[in-house]
mmCIF file of all heavy atoms, coordinates in Angstrom:
data_MODEL
# 
_entry.id   MODEL 
# 
loop_
_atom_site.group_PDB 
_atom_site.id 
_atom_site.type_symbol 
_atom_site.label_atom_id 
_atom_site.label_alt_id 
_atom_site.label_comp_id 
_atom_site.label_asym_id 
_atom_site.label_entity_id 
_atom_site.label_seq_id 
_atom_site.pdbx_PDB_ins_code 
_atom_site.Cartn_x 
_atom_site.Cartn_y 
_atom_site.Cartn_z 
_atom_site.occupancy 
_atom_site.B_iso_or_equiv 
_atom_site.pdbx_formal_charge 
_atom_site.auth_seq_id 
_atom_site.auth_comp_id 
_atom_site.auth_asym_id 
_atom_site.auth_atom_id 
_atom_site.pdbx_PDB_model_num 
ATOM 1   N N   . TYR A 1 1  ? 40.673 23.501 -9.481  1.00 0.00 ? 1  TYR A N   1 
ATOM 2   C CA  . TYR A 1 1  ? 41.377 23.800 -8.235  1.00 0.00 ? 1  TYR A CA  1 
ATOM 3   C C   . TYR A 1 1  ? 42.372 24.932 -8.453  1.00 0.00 ? 1  TYR A C   1 
ATOM 4   O O   . TYR A 1 1  ? 42.857 25.156 -9.558  1.00 0.00 ? 1  TYR A O   1 
ATOM 5   C CB  . TYR A 1 1  ? 42.122 22.547 -7.760  1.00 0.00 ? 1  TYR A CB  1 
ATOM 6   C CG  . TYR A 1 1  ? 41.259 21.334 -7.623  1.00 0.00 ? 1  TYR A CG  1 
ATOM 7   C CD1 . TYR A 1 1  ? 41.188 20.391 -8.640  1.00 0.00 ? 1  TYR A CD1 1 
ATOM 8   C CD2 . TYR A 1 1  ? 40.489 21.124 -6.485  1.00 0.00 ? 1  TYR A CD2 1 
ATOM 9   C CE1 . TYR A 1 1  ? 40.377 19.276 -8.528  1.00 0.00 ? 1  TYR A CE1 1 
ATOM 10  C CE2 . TYR A 1 1  ? 39.679 20.002 -6.356  1.00 0.00 ? 1  TYR A CE2 1 
ATOM 11  C CZ  . TYR A 1 1  ? 39.624 19.085 -7.385  1.00 0.00 ? 1  TYR A CZ  1 
ATOM 12  O OH  . TYR A 1 1  ? 38.818 17.978 -7.262  1.00 0.00 ? 1  TYR A OH  1 
ATOM 13  N N   . LEU A 1 2  ? 42.659 25.608 -7.375  1.00 0.00 ? 2  LEU A N   1 
ATOM 14  C CA  . LEU A 1 2  ? 43.734 26.596 -7.370  1.00 0.00 ? 2  LEU A CA  1 
ATOM 15  C C   . LEU A 1 2  ? 44.604 26.292 -6.156  1.00 0.00 ? 2  LEU A C   1 
ATOM 16  O O   . LEU A 1 2  ? 44.191 26.540 -5.016  1.00 0.00 ? 2  LEU A O   1 
ATOM 17  C CB  . LEU A 1 2  ? 43.186 28.018 -7.305  1.00 0.00 ? 2  LEU A CB  1 
ATOM 18  C CG  . LEU A 1 2  ? 44.234 29.120 -7.397  1.00 0.00 ? 2  LEU A CG  1 
ATOM 19  C CD1 . LEU A 1 2  ? 44.867 29.138 -8.790  1.00 0.00 ? 2  LEU A CD1 1 
ATOM 20  C CD2 . LEU A 1 2  ? 43.627 30.489 -7.075  1.00 0.00 ? 2  LEU A CD2 1 
ATOM 21  N N   . GLN A 1 3  ? 45.757 25.734 -6.419  1.00 0.00 ? 3  GLN A N   1 
ATOM 22  C CA  . GLN A 1 3  ? 46.722 25.462 -5.364  1.00 0.00 ? 3  GLN A CA  1 
ATOM 23  C C   . GLN A 1 3  ? 47.540 26.724 -5.138  1.00 0.00 ? 3  GLN A C   1 
ATOM 24  O O   . GLN A 1 3  ? 48.175 27.231 -6.061  1.00 0.00 ? 3  GLN A O   1 
ATOM 25  C CB  . GLN A 1 3  ? 47.640 24.308 -5.743  1.00 0.00 ? 3  GLN A CB  1 
ATOM 26  C CG  . GLN A 1 3  ? 48.697 24.002 -4.716  1.00 0.00 ? 3  GLN A CG  1 
ATOM 27  C CD  . GLN A 1 3  ? 48.120 23.479 -3.411  1.00 0.00 ? 3  GLN A CD  1 
ATOM 28  O OE1 . GLN A 1 3  ? 47.236 22.641 -3.414  1.00 0.00 ? 3  GLN A OE1 1 
ATOM 29  N NE2 . GLN A 1 3  ? 48.649 23.967 -2.292  1.00 0.00 ? 3  GLN A NE2 1 
ATOM 30  N N   . MET A 1 4  ? 47.517 27.218 -3.913  1.00 0.00 ? 4  MET A N   1 
ATOM 31  C CA  . MET A 1 4  ? 48.196 28.463 -3.592  1.00 0.00 ? 4  MET A CA  1 
ATOM 32  C C   . MET A 1 4  ? 49.260 28.187 -2.547  1.00 0.00 ? 4  MET A C   1 
ATOM 33  O O   . MET A 1 4  ? 48.943 27.771 -1.432  1.00 0.00 ? 4  MET A O   1 
ATOM 34  C CB  . MET A 1 4  ? 47.189 29.497 -3.068  1.00 0.00 ? 4  MET A CB  1 
ATOM 35  C CG  . MET A 1 4  ? 46.013 29.734 -4.005  1.00 0.00 ? 4  MET A CG  1 
ATOM 36  S SD  . MET A 1 4  ? 44.930 31.068 -3.453  1.00 0.00 ? 4  MET A SD  1 
ATOM 37  C CE  . MET A 1 4  ? 44.341 30.404 -1.914  1.00 0.00 ? 4  MET A CE  1 
ATOM 38  N N   . ASN A 1 5  ? 50.489 28.419 -2.922  1.00 0.00 ? 5  ASN A N   1 
ATOM 39  C CA  . ASN A 1 5  ? 51.621 28.206 -2.017  1.00 0.00 ? 5  ASN A CA  1 
ATOM 40  C C   . ASN A 1 5  ? 52.299 29.538 -1.713  1.00 0.00 ? 5  ASN A C   1 
ATOM 41  O O   . ASN A 1 5  ? 52.127 30.511 -2.444  1.00 0.00 ? 5  ASN A O   1 
ATOM 42  C CB  . ASN A 1 5  ? 52.629 27.245 -2.638  1.00 0.00 ? 5  ASN A CB  1 
ATOM 43  C CG  . ASN A 1 5  ? 52.037 25.873 -2.908  1.00 0.00 ? 5  ASN A CG  1 
ATOM 44  O OD1 . ASN A 1 5  ? 51.172 25.387 -2.185  1.00 0.00 ? 5  ASN A OD1 1 
ATOM 45  N ND2 . ASN A 1 5  ? 52.503 25.231 -3.970  1.00 0.00 ? 5  ASN A ND2 1 
ATOM 46  N N   . SER A 1 6  ? 53.064 29.544 -0.660  1.00 0.00 ? 6  SER A N   1 
ATOM 47  C CA  . SER A 1 6  ? 53.822 30.740 -0.272  1.00 0.00 ? 6  SER A CA  1 
ATOM 48  C C   . SER A 1 6  ? 52.939 31.983 -0.257  1.00 0.00 ? 6  SER A C   1 
ATOM 49  O O   . SER A 1 6  ? 53.295 33.028 -0.818  1.00 0.00 ? 6  SER A O   1 
ATOM 50  C CB  . SER A 1 6  ? 55.007 30.948 -1.217  1.00 0.00 ? 6  SER A CB  1 
ATOM 51  O OG  . SER A 1 6  ? 55.855 29.822 -1.236  1.00 0.00 ? 6  SER A OG  1 
ATOM 52  N N   . LEU A 1 7  ? 51.825 31.877 0.395   1.00 0.00 ? 7  LEU A N   1 
ATOM 53  C CA  . LEU A 1 7  ? 50.884 32.998 0.440   1.00 0.00 ? 7  LEU A CA  1 
ATOM 54  C C   . LEU A 1 7  ? 51.493 34.189 1.160   1.00 0.00 ? 7  LEU A C   1 
ATOM 55  O O   . LEU A 1 7  ? 52.244 34.033 2.138   1.00 0.00 ? 7  LEU A O   1 
ATOM 56  C CB  . LEU A 1 7  ? 49.597 32.563 1.128   1.00 0.00 ? 7  LEU A CB  1 
ATOM 57  C CG  . LEU A 1 7  ? 48.697 31.660 0.279   1.00 0.00 ? 7  LEU A CG  1 
ATOM 58  C CD1 . LEU A 1 7  ? 47.694 30.907 1.151   1.00 0.00 ? 7  LEU A CD1 1 
ATOM 59  C CD2 . LEU A 1 7  ? 47.965 32.488 -0.765  1.00 0.00 ? 7  LEU A CD2 1 
ATOM 60  N N   . ASN A 1 8  ? 51.176 35.362 0.653   1.00 0.00 ? 8  ASN A N   1 
ATOM 61  C CA  . ASN A 1 8  ? 51.638 36.591 1.312   1.00 0.00 ? 8  ASN A CA  1 
ATOM 62  C C   . ASN A 1 8  ? 50.454 37.519 1.548   1.00 0.00 ? 8  ASN A C   1 
ATOM 63  O O   . ASN A 1 8  ? 49.327 37.246 1.109   1.00 0.00 ? 8  ASN A O   1 
ATOM 64  C CB  . ASN A 1 8  ? 52.749 37.265 0.500   1.00 0.00 ? 8  ASN A CB  1 
ATOM 65  C CG  . ASN A 1 8  ? 52.312 37.597 -0.915  1.00 0.00 ? 8  ASN A CG  1 
ATOM 66  O OD1 . ASN A 1 8  ? 51.273 38.218 -1.108  1.00 0.00 ? 8  ASN A OD1 1 
ATOM 67  N ND2 . ASN A 1 8  ? 53.102 37.214 -1.894  1.00 0.00 ? 8  ASN A ND2 1 
ATOM 68  N N   . LEU A 1 9  ? 50.712 38.613 2.243   1.00 0.00 ? 9  LEU A N   1 
ATOM 69  C CA  . LEU A 1 9  ? 49.626 39.510 2.650   1.00 0.00 ? 9  LEU A CA  1 
ATOM 70  C C   . LEU A 1 9  ? 48.844 40.044 1.447   1.00 0.00 ? 9  LEU A C   1 
ATOM 71  O O   . LEU A 1 9  ? 47.630 40.281 1.540   1.00 0.00 ? 9  LEU A O   1 
ATOM 72  C CB  . LEU A 1 9  ? 50.178 40.669 3.476   1.00 0.00 ? 9  LEU A CB  1 
ATOM 73  C CG  . LEU A 1 9  ? 50.894 40.307 4.767   1.00 0.00 ? 9  LEU A CG  1 
ATOM 74  C CD1 . LEU A 1 9  ? 51.370 41.577 5.476   1.00 0.00 ? 9  LEU A CD1 1 
ATOM 75  C CD2 . LEU A 1 9  ? 49.988 39.502 5.684   1.00 0.00 ? 9  LEU A CD2 1 
ATOM 76  N N   . GLU A 1 10 ? 49.549 40.226 0.333   1.00 0.00 ? 10 GLU A N   1 
ATOM 77  C CA  . GLU A 1 10 ? 48.907 40.789 -0.864  1.00 0.00 ? 10 GLU A CA  1 
ATOM 78  C C   . GLU A 1 10 ? 47.940 39.807 -1.522  1.00 0.00 ? 10 GLU A C   1 
ATOM 79  O O   . GLU A 1 10 ? 47.193 40.181 -2.431  1.00 0.00 ? 10 GLU A O   1 
ATOM 80  C CB  . GLU A 1 10 ? 49.966 41.222 -1.879  1.00 0.00 ? 10 GLU A CB  1 
ATOM 81  C CG  . GLU A 1 10 ? 50.768 42.465 -1.489  1.00 0.00 ? 10 GLU A CG  1 
ATOM 82  C CD  . GLU A 1 10 ? 51.713 42.209 -0.325  1.00 0.00 ? 10 GLU A CD  1 
ATOM 83  O OE1 . GLU A 1 10 ? 52.295 41.100 -0.266  1.00 0.00 ? 10 GLU A OE1 1 
ATOM 84  O OE2 . GLU A 1 10 ? 51.877 43.121 0.525   1.00 0.00 ? 10 GLU A OE2 1 
ATOM 85  N N   . ASP A 1 11 ? 47.954 38.567 -1.098  1.00 0.00 ? 11 ASP A N   1 
ATOM 86  C CA  . ASP A 1 11 ? 47.025 37.570 -1.637  1.00 0.00 ? 11 ASP A CA  1 
ATOM 87  C C   . ASP A 1 11 ? 45.659 37.603 -0.943  1.00 0.00 ? 11 ASP A C   1 
ATOM 88  O O   . ASP A 1 11 ? 44.744 36.892 -1.356  1.00 0.00 ? 11 ASP A O   1 
ATOM 89  C CB  . ASP A 1 11 ? 47.623 36.167 -1.518  1.00 0.00 ? 11 ASP A CB  1 
ATOM 90  C CG  . ASP A 1 11 ? 48.879 35.995 -2.341  1.00 0.00 ? 11 ASP A CG  1 
ATOM 91  O OD1 . ASP A 1 11 ? 48.916 36.487 -3.487  1.00 0.00 ? 11 ASP A OD1 1 
ATOM 92  O OD2 . ASP A 1 11 ? 49.829 35.371 -1.836  1.00 0.00 ? 11 ASP A OD2 1 
ATOM 93  N N   . THR A 1 12 ? 45.541 38.396 0.090   1.00 0.00 ? 12 THR A N   1 
ATOM 94  C CA  . THR A 1 12 ? 44.266 38.504 0.788   1.00 0.00 ? 12 THR A CA  1 
ATOM 95  C C   . THR A 1 12 ? 43.209 39.097 -0.142  1.00 0.00 ? 12 THR A C   1 
ATOM 96  O O   . THR A 1 12 ? 43.391 40.179 -0.690  1.00 0.00 ? 12 THR A O   1 
ATOM 97  C CB  . THR A 1 12 ? 44.409 39.390 2.036   1.00 0.00 ? 12 THR A CB  1 
ATOM 98  O OG1 . THR A 1 12 ? 45.278 38.739 2.977   1.00 0.00 ? 12 THR A OG1 1 
ATOM 99  C CG2 . THR A 1 12 ? 43.054 39.643 2.685   1.00 0.00 ? 12 THR A CG2 1 
ATOM 100 N N   . ALA A 1 13 ? 42.131 38.366 -0.319  1.00 0.00 ? 13 ALA A N   1 
ATOM 101 C CA  . ALA A 1 13 ? 41.075 38.792 -1.240  1.00 0.00 ? 13 ALA A CA  1 
ATOM 102 C C   . ALA A 1 13 ? 39.939 37.771 -1.205  1.00 0.00 ? 13 ALA A C   1 
ATOM 103 O O   . ALA A 1 13 ? 40.079 36.688 -0.625  1.00 0.00 ? 13 ALA A O   1 
ATOM 104 C CB  . ALA A 1 13 ? 41.603 38.905 -2.664  1.00 0.00 ? 13 ALA A CB  1 
ATOM 105 N N   . VAL A 1 14 ? 38.852 38.140 -1.848  1.00 0.00 ? 14 VAL A N   1 
ATOM 106 C CA  . VAL A 1 14 ? 37.814 37.163 -2.145  1.00 0.00 ? 14 VAL A CA  1 
ATOM 107 C C   . VAL A 1 14 ? 38.146 36.561 -3.507  1.00 0.00 ? 14 VAL A C   1 
ATOM 108 O O   . VAL A 1 14 ? 38.382 37.291 -4.469  1.00 0.00 ? 14 VAL A O   1 
ATOM 109 C CB  . VAL A 1 14 ? 36.417 37.809 -2.169  1.00 0.00 ? 14 VAL A CB  1 
ATOM 110 C CG1 . VAL A 1 14 ? 35.364 36.776 -2.547  1.00 0.00 ? 14 VAL A CG1 1 
ATOM 111 C CG2 . VAL A 1 14 ? 36.089 38.428 -0.811  1.00 0.00 ? 14 VAL A CG2 1 
ATOM 112 N N   . TYR A 1 15 ? 38.173 35.246 -3.561  1.00 0.00 ? 15 TYR A N   1 
ATOM 113 C CA  . TYR A 1 15 ? 38.530 34.538 -4.785  1.00 0.00 ? 15 TYR A CA  1 
ATOM 114 C C   . TYR A 1 15 ? 37.278 33.969 -5.447  1.00 0.00 ? 15 TYR A C   1 
ATOM 115 O O   . TYR A 1 15 ? 36.439 33.348 -4.780  1.00 0.00 ? 15 TYR A O   1 
ATOM 116 C CB  . TYR A 1 15 ? 39.514 33.419 -4.471  1.00 0.00 ? 15 TYR A CB  1 
ATOM 117 C CG  . TYR A 1 15 ? 40.906 33.915 -4.205  1.00 0.00 ? 15 TYR A CG  1 
ATOM 118 C CD1 . TYR A 1 15 ? 41.203 34.626 -3.040  1.00 0.00 ? 15 TYR A CD1 1 
ATOM 119 C CD2 . TYR A 1 15 ? 41.941 33.714 -5.120  1.00 0.00 ? 15 TYR A CD2 1 
ATOM 120 C CE1 . TYR A 1 15 ? 42.472 35.116 -2.804  1.00 0.00 ? 15 TYR A CE1 1 
ATOM 121 C CE2 . TYR A 1 15 ? 43.218 34.189 -4.882  1.00 0.00 ? 15 TYR A CE2 1 
ATOM 122 C CZ  . TYR A 1 15 ? 43.473 34.892 -3.732  1.00 0.00 ? 15 TYR A CZ  1 
ATOM 123 O OH  . TYR A 1 15 ? 44.748 35.373 -3.501  1.00 0.00 ? 15 TYR A OH  1 
ATOM 124 N N   . TYR A 1 16 ? 37.198 34.168 -6.750  1.00 0.00 ? 16 TYR A N   1 
ATOM 125 C CA  . TYR A 1 16 ? 36.048 33.729 -7.529  1.00 0.00 ? 16 TYR A CA  1 
ATOM 126 C C   . TYR A 1 16 ? 36.504 32.779 -8.636  1.00 0.00 ? 16 TYR A C   1 
ATOM 127 O O   . TYR A 1 16 ? 37.541 32.999 -9.255  1.00 0.00 ? 16 TYR A O   1 
ATOM 128 C CB  . TYR A 1 16 ? 35.355 34.917 -8.191  1.00 0.00 ? 16 TYR A CB  1 
ATOM 129 C CG  . TYR A 1 16 ? 34.851 35.958 -7.249  1.00 0.00 ? 16 TYR A CG  1 
ATOM 130 C CD1 . TYR A 1 16 ? 35.669 37.000 -6.821  1.00 0.00 ? 16 TYR A CD1 1 
ATOM 131 C CD2 . TYR A 1 16 ? 33.537 35.914 -6.784  1.00 0.00 ? 16 TYR A CD2 1 
ATOM 132 C CE1 . TYR A 1 16 ? 35.195 37.979 -5.954  1.00 0.00 ? 16 TYR A CE1 1 
ATOM 133 C CE2 . TYR A 1 16 ? 33.054 36.887 -5.914  1.00 0.00 ? 16 TYR A CE2 1 
ATOM 134 C CZ  . TYR A 1 16 ? 33.892 37.912 -5.508  1.00 0.00 ? 16 TYR A CZ  1 
ATOM 135 O OH  . TYR A 1 16 ? 33.422 38.861 -4.648  1.00 0.00 ? 16 TYR A OH  1 
ATOM 136 N N   . CYS A 1 17 ? 35.714 31.774 -8.899  1.00 0.00 ? 17 CYS A N   1 
ATOM 137 C CA  . CYS A 1 17 ? 35.944 30.984 -10.095 1.00 0.00 ? 17 CYS A CA  1 
ATOM 138 C C   . CYS A 1 17 ? 34.890 31.345 -11.132 1.00 0.00 ? 17 CYS A C   1 
ATOM 139 O O   . CYS A 1 17 ? 33.781 31.767 -10.788 1.00 0.00 ? 17 CYS A O   1 
ATOM 140 C CB  . CYS A 1 17 ? 35.950 29.485 -9.806  1.00 0.00 ? 17 CYS A CB  1 
ATOM 141 S SG  . CYS A 1 17 ? 34.433 28.801 -9.115  1.00 0.00 ? 17 CYS A SG  1 
ATOM 142 N N   . ALA A 1 18 ? 35.269 31.209 -12.378 1.00 0.00 ? 18 ALA A N   1 
ATOM 143 C CA  . ALA A 1 18 ? 34.400 31.573 -13.489 1.00 0.00 ? 18 ALA A CA  1 
ATOM 144 C C   . ALA A 1 18 ? 34.579 30.554 -14.602 1.00 0.00 ? 18 ALA A C   1 
ATOM 145 O O   . ALA A 1 18 ? 35.632 29.909 -14.698 1.00 0.00 ? 18 ALA A O   1 
ATOM 146 C CB  . ALA A 1 18 ? 34.735 32.980 -13.986 1.00 0.00 ? 18 ALA A CB  1 
ATOM 147 N N   . ALA A 1 19 ? 33.567 30.437 -15.446 1.00 0.00 ? 19 ALA A N   1 
ATOM 148 C CA  . ALA A 1 19 ? 33.604 29.464 -16.532 1.00 0.00 ? 19 ALA A CA  1 
ATOM 149 C C   . ALA A 1 19 ? 33.278 30.107 -17.866 1.00 0.00 ? 19 ALA A C   1 
ATOM 150 O O   . ALA A 1 19 ? 32.423 30.999 -17.940 1.00 0.00 ? 19 ALA A O   1 
ATOM 151 C CB  . ALA A 1 19 ? 32.622 28.325 -16.260 1.00 0.00 ? 19 ALA A CB  1 
ATOM 152 N N   . GLU A 1 20 ? 33.952 29.660 -18.885 1.00 0.00 ? 20 GLU A N   1 
ATOM 153 C CA  . GLU A 1 20 ? 33.736 30.140 -20.242 1.00 0.00 ? 20 GLU A CA  1 
ATOM 154 C C   . GLU A 1 20 ? 33.295 28.973 -21.107 1.00 0.00 ? 20 GLU A C   1 
ATOM 155 O O   . GLU A 1 20 ? 34.041 28.003 -21.265 1.00 0.00 ? 20 GLU A O   1 
ATOM 156 C CB  . GLU A 1 20 ? 35.020 30.742 -20.807 1.00 0.00 ? 20 GLU A CB  1 
ATOM 157 C CG  . GLU A 1 20 ? 34.900 31.210 -22.254 1.00 0.00 ? 20 GLU A CG  1 
ATOM 158 C CD  . GLU A 1 20 ? 35.676 30.346 -23.235 1.00 0.00 ? 20 GLU A CD  1 
ATOM 159 O OE1 . GLU A 1 20 ? 36.095 29.235 -22.857 1.00 0.00 ? 20 GLU A OE1 1 
ATOM 160 O OE2 . GLU A 1 20 ? 35.870 30.791 -24.374 1.00 0.00 ? 20 GLU A OE2 1 
ATOM 161 N N   . LYS A 1 21 ? 32.079 29.069 -21.640 1.00 0.00 ? 21 LYS A N   1 
ATOM 162 C CA  . LYS A 1 21 ? 31.557 28.015 -22.496 1.00 0.00 ? 21 LYS A CA  1 
ATOM 163 C C   . LYS A 1 21 ? 32.307 28.029 -23.826 1.00 0.00 ? 21 LYS A C   1 
ATOM 164 O O   . LYS A 1 21 ? 32.475 29.074 -24.424 1.00 0.00 ? 21 LYS A O   1 
ATOM 165 C CB  . LYS A 1 21 ? 30.062 28.196 -22.727 1.00 0.00 ? 21 LYS A CB  1 
ATOM 166 C CG  . LYS A 1 21 ? 29.421 27.016 -23.410 1.00 0.00 ? 21 LYS A CG  1 
ATOM 167 C CD  . LYS A 1 21 ? 27.918 27.164 -23.478 1.00 0.00 ? 21 LYS A CD  1 
ATOM 168 C CE  . LYS A 1 21 ? 27.289 25.946 -24.120 1.00 0.00 ? 21 LYS A CE  1 
ATOM 169 N NZ  . LYS A 1 21 ? 25.810 26.065 -24.199 1.00 0.00 ? 21 LYS A NZ  1 
ATOM 170 N N   . GLY A 1 22 ? 32.694 26.847 -24.232 1.00 0.00 ? 22 GLY A N   1 
ATOM 171 C CA  . GLY A 1 22 ? 33.497 26.735 -25.452 1.00 0.00 ? 22 GLY A CA  1 
ATOM 172 C C   . GLY A 1 22 ? 34.849 26.164 -25.102 1.00 0.00 ? 22 GLY A C   1 
ATOM 173 O O   . GLY A 1 22 ? 35.332 25.251 -25.765 1.00 0.00 ? 22 GLY A O   1 
ATOM 174 N N   . GLY A 1 23 ? 35.428 26.704 -24.011 1.00 0.00 ? 23 GLY A N   1 
ATOM 175 C CA  . GLY A 1 23 ? 36.579 26.055 -23.435 1.00 0.00 ? 23 GLY A CA  1 
ATOM 176 C C   . GLY A 1 23 ? 37.945 26.510 -23.882 1.00 0.00 ? 23 GLY A C   1 
ATOM 177 O O   . GLY A 1 23 ? 38.941 25.983 -23.397 1.00 0.00 ? 23 GLY A O   1 
ATOM 178 N N   . TYR A 1 24 ? 38.022 27.468 -24.804 1.00 0.00 ? 24 TYR A N   1 
ATOM 179 C CA  . TYR A 1 24 ? 39.332 27.820 -25.353 1.00 0.00 ? 24 TYR A CA  1 
ATOM 180 C C   . TYR A 1 24 ? 39.790 29.243 -25.013 1.00 0.00 ? 24 TYR A C   1 
ATOM 181 O O   . TYR A 1 24 ? 40.856 29.656 -25.453 1.00 0.00 ? 24 TYR A O   1 
ATOM 182 C CB  . TYR A 1 24 ? 39.336 27.619 -26.872 1.00 0.00 ? 24 TYR A CB  1 
ATOM 183 C CG  . TYR A 1 24 ? 39.229 26.160 -27.251 1.00 0.00 ? 24 TYR A CG  1 
ATOM 184 C CD1 . TYR A 1 24 ? 38.007 25.622 -27.655 1.00 0.00 ? 24 TYR A CD1 1 
ATOM 185 C CD2 . TYR A 1 24 ? 40.341 25.331 -27.188 1.00 0.00 ? 24 TYR A CD2 1 
ATOM 186 C CE1 . TYR A 1 24 ? 37.902 24.279 -27.993 1.00 0.00 ? 24 TYR A CE1 1 
ATOM 187 C CE2 . TYR A 1 24 ? 40.237 23.990 -27.524 1.00 0.00 ? 24 TYR A CE2 1 
ATOM 188 C CZ  . TYR A 1 24 ? 39.025 23.477 -27.934 1.00 0.00 ? 24 TYR A CZ  1 
ATOM 189 O OH  . TYR A 1 24 ? 38.915 22.144 -28.266 1.00 0.00 ? 24 TYR A OH  1 
ATOM 190 N N   . LEU A 1 25 ? 38.973 29.980 -24.292 1.00 0.00 ? 25 LEU A N   1 
ATOM 191 C CA  . LEU A 1 25 ? 39.382 31.322 -23.850 1.00 0.00 ? 25 LEU A CA  1 
ATOM 192 C C   . LEU A 1 25 ? 39.789 32.203 -25.018 1.00 0.00 ? 25 LEU A C   1 
ATOM 193 O O   . LEU A 1 25 ? 40.771 32.957 -24.923 1.00 0.00 ? 25 LEU A O   1 
ATOM 194 C CB  . LEU A 1 25 ? 40.513 31.217 -22.827 1.00 0.00 ? 25 LEU A CB  1 
ATOM 195 C CG  . LEU A 1 25 ? 40.161 30.452 -21.548 1.00 0.00 ? 25 LEU A CG  1 
ATOM 196 C CD1 . LEU A 1 25 ? 41.419 30.167 -20.736 1.00 0.00 ? 25 LEU A CD1 1 
ATOM 197 C CD2 . LEU A 1 25 ? 39.158 31.219 -20.720 1.00 0.00 ? 25 LEU A CD2 1 
# 
């Protein structure tokens, strides 16, 4: 999840989620 509070105009965008196998970035 991505909880987004206090949104402003600059937050306008298409949001994507992505995954990394292995889990540790």
